[in-house]
Protein backbone atom coordinates (compact mmCIF):
# COMPACT_ATOMS: atom_id res chain seq x y z
CA MET A 1 64.77 -102.24 110.41
CA ARG A 2 64.28 -102.40 114.12
CA VAL A 3 62.36 -99.27 114.97
CA PHE A 4 62.15 -97.60 118.34
CA LEU A 5 58.82 -95.80 118.30
CA ALA A 6 58.39 -93.20 121.05
CA GLY A 7 54.69 -92.39 121.50
CA ALA A 8 53.52 -95.70 120.03
CA SER A 9 50.27 -95.71 121.99
CA GLY A 10 49.07 -92.25 120.74
CA ALA A 11 46.53 -91.68 117.92
CA LEU A 12 49.25 -91.72 115.19
CA GLY A 13 51.37 -94.29 116.90
CA LEU A 14 48.63 -96.89 116.93
CA ARG A 15 48.21 -96.41 113.11
CA LEU A 16 51.94 -96.40 112.54
CA VAL A 17 52.75 -99.72 114.39
CA PRO A 18 50.86 -102.06 111.99
CA GLN A 19 52.13 -100.15 108.90
CA LEU A 20 55.71 -100.43 110.05
CA ILE A 21 55.22 -104.18 110.67
CA ASP A 22 53.57 -104.62 107.28
CA ALA A 23 56.59 -103.00 105.73
CA GLY A 24 58.84 -105.60 107.34
CA HIS A 25 60.08 -103.67 110.29
CA ALA A 26 60.21 -104.80 113.93
CA VAL A 27 58.79 -102.29 116.41
CA VAL A 28 59.68 -101.49 120.02
CA GLY A 29 56.88 -99.13 121.05
CA THR A 30 56.74 -96.93 124.11
CA TYR A 31 53.71 -96.19 126.21
CA THR A 32 52.96 -94.34 129.51
CA LYS A 33 49.57 -95.73 130.48
CA ASP A 34 49.58 -99.37 131.44
CA ALA A 35 46.30 -100.09 129.72
CA LYS A 36 48.02 -99.43 126.32
CA ALA A 37 50.55 -102.23 126.62
CA PRO A 38 48.30 -105.06 125.61
CA GLN A 39 46.98 -103.05 122.64
CA LEU A 40 50.56 -102.46 121.40
CA GLU A 41 51.48 -106.14 121.85
CA ALA A 42 48.27 -107.21 120.05
CA LEU A 43 49.44 -105.08 117.04
CA GLY A 44 52.73 -106.94 117.04
CA ALA A 45 55.01 -104.46 118.83
CA GLU A 46 57.29 -105.02 121.81
CA ALA A 47 55.76 -102.68 124.42
CA VAL A 48 58.13 -100.69 126.73
CA HIS A 49 56.91 -98.28 129.47
CA LEU A 50 58.85 -95.15 129.18
CA ASP A 51 58.70 -91.55 130.46
CA LEU A 52 60.41 -89.59 127.71
CA LEU A 53 61.29 -86.83 130.17
CA ASP A 54 63.43 -89.20 132.21
CA ARG A 55 66.78 -88.83 130.36
CA ASP A 56 68.42 -91.80 132.02
CA ALA A 57 65.46 -94.11 131.38
CA VAL A 58 65.49 -93.08 127.73
CA ARG A 59 69.13 -93.83 127.41
CA ARG A 60 68.64 -97.29 128.93
CA ALA A 61 65.53 -98.12 126.88
CA VAL A 62 67.22 -97.17 123.57
CA ALA A 63 70.35 -99.07 124.48
CA ALA A 64 68.33 -102.18 125.37
CA ALA A 65 66.27 -101.99 122.19
CA ARG A 66 69.25 -101.69 119.89
CA PRO A 67 67.26 -100.05 117.16
CA ASP A 68 68.26 -99.10 113.62
CA ALA A 69 65.97 -96.09 113.67
CA ILE A 70 64.09 -93.94 116.16
CA VAL A 71 60.69 -92.37 115.38
CA HIS A 72 59.56 -89.56 117.78
CA GLN A 73 55.78 -89.37 117.91
CA ALA A 74 55.34 -88.56 121.62
CA THR A 75 52.79 -85.96 122.60
CA ALA A 76 50.50 -85.41 125.57
CA LEU A 77 47.36 -84.20 123.85
CA ALA A 78 44.83 -86.96 124.72
CA ASP A 79 41.53 -85.22 125.59
CA ALA A 80 43.10 -81.85 125.36
CA LYS A 81 40.79 -78.86 125.70
CA PHE A 82 41.56 -75.40 124.27
CA GLY A 83 40.35 -72.11 125.86
CA ARG A 84 41.08 -68.45 125.69
CA GLY A 85 44.83 -67.85 126.15
CA GLY A 86 45.40 -71.43 127.04
CA PHE A 87 47.11 -72.88 123.94
CA ASP A 88 50.61 -72.99 125.53
CA ARG A 89 49.17 -74.20 128.78
CA THR A 90 47.51 -77.08 126.99
CA PHE A 91 50.65 -77.93 125.18
CA ALA A 92 52.93 -77.51 128.11
CA ARG A 93 53.86 -81.17 128.50
CA THR A 94 53.93 -81.75 124.79
CA ASN A 95 56.30 -78.87 124.46
CA ARG A 96 58.63 -80.52 127.00
CA LEU A 97 58.41 -83.74 125.02
CA ARG A 98 59.45 -81.80 121.90
CA THR A 99 62.35 -80.15 123.65
CA GLU A 100 63.62 -82.25 126.54
CA GLY A 101 62.30 -85.49 125.03
CA THR A 102 63.80 -84.80 121.61
CA ASP A 103 67.16 -83.96 123.26
CA SER A 104 67.04 -87.21 125.30
CA LEU A 105 66.27 -89.35 122.21
CA LEU A 106 68.91 -87.76 120.15
CA ALA A 107 71.48 -88.15 122.91
CA ALA A 108 70.53 -91.80 123.25
CA ALA A 109 70.64 -92.26 119.56
CA ALA A 110 74.15 -90.90 119.33
CA GLU A 111 75.25 -93.08 122.23
CA SER A 112 73.82 -96.12 120.64
CA GLY A 113 75.00 -95.34 117.12
CA VAL A 114 71.56 -94.86 115.70
CA ARG A 115 71.74 -92.58 112.67
CA ARG A 116 68.16 -92.72 111.41
CA PHE A 117 65.77 -90.36 113.20
CA VAL A 118 62.29 -89.11 112.29
CA ALA A 119 60.30 -86.68 114.47
CA GLN A 120 56.79 -85.33 114.47
CA SER A 121 56.31 -81.67 113.92
CA PHE A 122 53.38 -79.61 112.69
CA ALA A 123 52.50 -77.57 109.58
CA SER A 124 49.28 -75.62 110.27
CA PHE A 125 49.36 -72.19 111.87
CA ARG A 126 53.13 -71.89 111.61
CA CYS A 127 53.71 -70.42 108.19
CA ILE A 128 54.42 -66.72 107.58
CA ARG A 129 51.05 -64.91 107.23
CA GLU A 130 51.82 -62.94 104.16
CA GLY A 131 51.91 -63.63 100.43
CA GLY A 132 50.18 -66.56 98.87
CA PRO A 133 47.74 -68.92 100.68
CA VAL A 134 49.86 -72.08 100.52
CA LYS A 135 53.47 -72.36 101.71
CA THR A 136 56.28 -74.79 101.07
CA GLU A 137 59.06 -75.97 103.43
CA ASP A 138 61.28 -73.29 101.96
CA ASP A 139 59.00 -70.47 103.04
CA PRO A 140 59.68 -68.66 106.34
CA LEU A 141 57.80 -69.59 109.52
CA ASP A 142 55.60 -66.97 111.25
CA PRO A 143 57.99 -64.55 113.01
CA ASN A 144 55.18 -63.18 115.30
CA PRO A 145 52.84 -65.98 116.28
CA PRO A 146 49.93 -65.16 118.76
CA SER A 147 51.34 -64.67 122.27
CA SER A 148 49.39 -67.73 123.56
CA MET A 149 51.27 -69.93 121.02
CA ARG A 150 54.82 -68.61 121.30
CA GLU A 151 56.11 -71.38 123.62
CA THR A 152 54.57 -74.03 121.32
CA HIS A 153 56.12 -72.49 118.17
CA ALA A 154 59.49 -72.39 119.92
CA ALA A 155 59.26 -76.02 121.05
CA MET A 156 58.56 -77.10 117.47
CA LYS A 157 61.40 -75.01 116.12
CA HIS A 158 63.70 -76.66 118.75
CA LEU A 159 62.60 -80.14 117.71
CA GLU A 160 63.12 -79.30 114.06
CA ASP A 161 66.48 -77.64 114.51
CA ALA A 162 67.77 -80.43 116.81
CA THR A 163 66.55 -83.16 114.43
CA LEU A 164 68.12 -81.55 111.35
CA ALA A 165 71.39 -80.94 113.17
CA ALA A 166 71.55 -84.68 113.87
CA GLY A 167 70.85 -85.50 110.18
CA GLY A 168 67.23 -86.54 110.85
CA ILE A 169 63.87 -85.90 109.23
CA ALA A 170 61.13 -83.61 110.59
CA LEU A 171 57.59 -84.30 109.39
CA ARG A 172 55.26 -81.34 109.57
CA TYR A 173 51.91 -83.05 109.68
CA GLY A 174 48.63 -81.34 108.90
CA GLY A 175 45.70 -81.37 111.32
CA PHE A 176 44.94 -85.04 112.12
CA TYR A 177 41.58 -86.55 111.57
CA GLY A 178 40.30 -90.17 111.54
CA ALA A 179 40.19 -90.98 115.23
CA PRO A 180 36.93 -91.30 117.28
CA ASN A 181 38.21 -88.66 119.65
CA ASP A 182 39.47 -86.09 117.20
CA GLY A 183 39.90 -82.81 119.06
CA LEU A 184 37.54 -80.87 116.69
CA ILE A 185 34.61 -83.22 117.03
CA VAL A 186 33.15 -81.98 120.30
CA PRO A 187 33.56 -78.22 119.56
CA ILE A 188 31.90 -78.65 116.07
CA ARG A 189 29.01 -80.68 117.54
CA LYS A 190 28.44 -78.01 120.30
CA ARG A 191 28.81 -75.17 117.69
CA MET A 192 31.84 -73.95 119.68
CA ALA A 193 33.96 -73.73 116.46
CA PRO A 194 32.77 -70.63 114.63
CA ILE A 195 33.64 -69.15 111.29
CA VAL A 196 35.64 -66.04 112.33
CA GLY A 197 35.30 -62.95 110.16
CA ASP A 198 35.54 -63.91 106.53
CA GLY A 199 36.70 -67.42 107.45
CA GLY A 200 39.79 -66.94 105.25
CA GLY A 201 42.27 -68.73 107.43
CA ILE A 202 43.76 -71.67 105.51
CA TRP A 203 44.07 -75.09 107.24
CA SER A 204 45.83 -78.17 106.04
CA PHE A 205 44.65 -81.72 107.11
CA VAL A 206 45.89 -85.23 106.85
CA HIS A 207 44.12 -88.55 107.74
CA LEU A 208 45.93 -90.46 110.37
CA ASP A 209 46.43 -93.45 108.03
CA ASP A 210 48.05 -91.25 105.39
CA ALA A 211 50.29 -89.61 108.11
CA ALA A 212 51.39 -93.09 109.17
CA ALA A 213 52.10 -94.17 105.55
CA ALA A 214 54.22 -91.08 105.01
CA THR A 215 56.23 -91.72 108.15
CA VAL A 216 57.08 -95.26 106.90
CA LEU A 217 58.21 -93.78 103.62
CA ALA A 218 60.40 -91.17 105.49
CA LEU A 219 62.29 -94.01 107.23
CA GLN A 220 63.65 -95.13 103.85
CA HIS A 221 65.17 -91.69 103.14
CA ASP A 222 68.28 -89.89 104.44
CA GLY A 223 68.20 -86.46 106.15
CA PRO A 224 68.55 -83.81 107.04
CA ALA A 225 65.09 -82.82 105.62
CA VAL A 226 61.77 -81.30 106.44
CA TYR A 227 58.59 -82.41 104.78
CA ASN A 228 54.94 -81.15 104.94
CA ILE A 229 52.70 -84.19 105.35
CA VAL A 230 49.30 -82.88 104.37
CA ASP A 231 46.57 -83.61 101.86
CA ASP A 232 46.18 -82.02 98.45
CA ASP A 233 43.53 -79.55 99.52
CA PRO A 234 44.46 -76.68 101.90
CA ALA A 235 41.26 -74.75 102.41
CA PRO A 236 39.82 -71.85 104.28
CA VAL A 237 37.71 -72.37 107.37
CA ARG A 238 34.58 -71.11 105.61
CA GLU A 239 34.85 -74.06 103.24
CA TRP A 240 35.99 -77.04 105.47
CA LEU A 241 34.08 -76.23 108.65
CA PRO A 242 30.53 -76.56 107.24
CA VAL A 243 31.54 -79.82 105.55
CA ALA A 244 32.94 -81.13 108.83
CA ALA A 245 29.67 -80.20 110.61
CA LYS A 246 27.54 -81.91 107.99
CA ALA A 247 29.73 -85.05 108.21
CA LEU A 248 29.20 -85.17 111.98
CA GLY A 249 25.53 -84.54 111.74
CA ALA A 250 25.99 -81.23 113.59
CA PRO A 251 24.21 -77.91 113.02
CA PRO A 252 25.92 -75.42 110.72
CA PRO A 253 28.77 -73.44 112.34
CA ARG A 254 28.06 -70.00 113.75
CA HIS A 255 29.62 -66.88 112.30
CA LEU A 256 31.55 -64.60 114.63
CA PRO A 257 33.06 -61.13 113.88
CA ALA A 258 36.77 -60.96 114.46
CA TRP A 259 36.47 -58.46 117.26
CA LEU A 260 34.19 -60.77 119.22
CA ALA A 261 36.24 -63.87 118.44
CA ARG A 262 39.22 -61.97 119.94
CA LEU A 263 37.33 -61.32 123.14
CA VAL A 264 36.06 -64.89 123.41
CA GLY A 265 39.02 -66.95 122.04
CA GLY A 266 41.95 -64.57 122.08
CA GLU A 267 44.31 -63.76 119.16
CA PHE A 268 44.72 -67.46 118.42
CA ALA A 269 41.05 -67.75 117.29
CA VAL A 270 41.38 -64.71 114.96
CA VAL A 271 44.67 -65.86 113.40
CA THR A 272 43.72 -69.42 112.72
CA GLY A 273 40.28 -68.31 111.52
CA THR A 274 41.33 -65.42 109.20
CA THR A 275 44.98 -65.22 108.32
CA ALA A 276 46.60 -68.63 108.70
CA ARG A 277 48.31 -70.16 105.69
CA GLY A 278 48.15 -73.65 104.41
CA ALA A 279 51.02 -76.07 103.47
CA SER A 280 52.05 -77.70 100.23
CA ASN A 281 52.80 -81.47 100.01
CA ALA A 282 54.65 -81.19 96.71
CA LYS A 283 58.04 -81.89 98.17
CA ALA A 284 56.79 -85.02 100.01
CA LYS A 285 55.18 -86.41 96.87
CA ARG A 286 58.32 -85.66 94.83
CA GLU A 287 60.94 -86.92 97.26
CA LEU A 288 59.22 -89.50 99.39
CA GLY A 289 56.69 -90.73 96.88
CA LEU A 290 53.80 -89.79 99.08
CA THR A 291 50.43 -91.05 97.87
CA LEU A 292 47.20 -90.42 99.78
CA ARG A 293 44.32 -92.65 100.51
CA TYR A 294 42.40 -89.50 101.29
CA PRO A 295 43.61 -86.72 98.95
CA SER A 296 41.02 -84.25 100.34
CA TRP A 297 39.25 -83.79 103.59
CA ARG A 298 36.18 -83.09 101.32
CA THR A 299 35.65 -86.79 100.87
CA GLY A 300 37.78 -87.87 103.84
CA PHE A 301 35.62 -86.32 106.53
CA ALA A 302 32.50 -88.10 105.36
CA ALA A 303 34.23 -91.36 104.72
CA VAL A 304 35.53 -91.76 108.21
CA ARG A 305 32.21 -90.81 109.82
CA ARG A 306 30.09 -93.44 108.00
């Protein structure tokens, strides 16, 4: 297929371009920073500068590309920094890409007759925080997310609802790792990522290469559908964080009582550290044929830091 890849120059996009090409697809990849164009071209993609928030430009770019499929991986999270109460502020532009950008891509797809659409969503911190520790795609989402995350939750819901309404596929990825600038690296090294309370919050991870491979698989399937793209090992913070620190050669993480974490990091820090639920990849394995190079972060973290 000829694939229009929005966000091709991002952490996942740069892993996805060569995998798409290896699978026999031609790739038209978008970028926003000029320095990324040569990198995309070296990987074998046709590079196109595009602001996804410019609806007319999106329509023209998709029409010119004449794709068979559109993959939406655009975010604005490079060098993102998270602070107390600032989650939605950090994600403000990404939220627009997930709402306005998704709408523009879907409108352009409809205008150009593109019926295959795959979009990036997120699994972690979104599942309802009751019942068992690991949730499937059929379980409800959290009806009451922390106040600092409500706009971000709403943007992801918009993306998923719009994608499904158009017959597309939404991929709920776990927390990415495998890039040299992974967002958790600096906080862990500086001991700014503590184990909060009992450390019982469940996180789901996925290596960037596995996330890209799953995306290639999704292109071969019809929607509408939602899939959790995560590894086999959802785990509480008290288990994965010390392993991550050791892999980075960092000191062991600090322990922080929930009341103090709430003062320092807001409700987000408490929820993600103590009550968050993980995600199951059983549906993706069953329907997409998902196989993982890194089935668990327990070996993945160390492998990518060698």
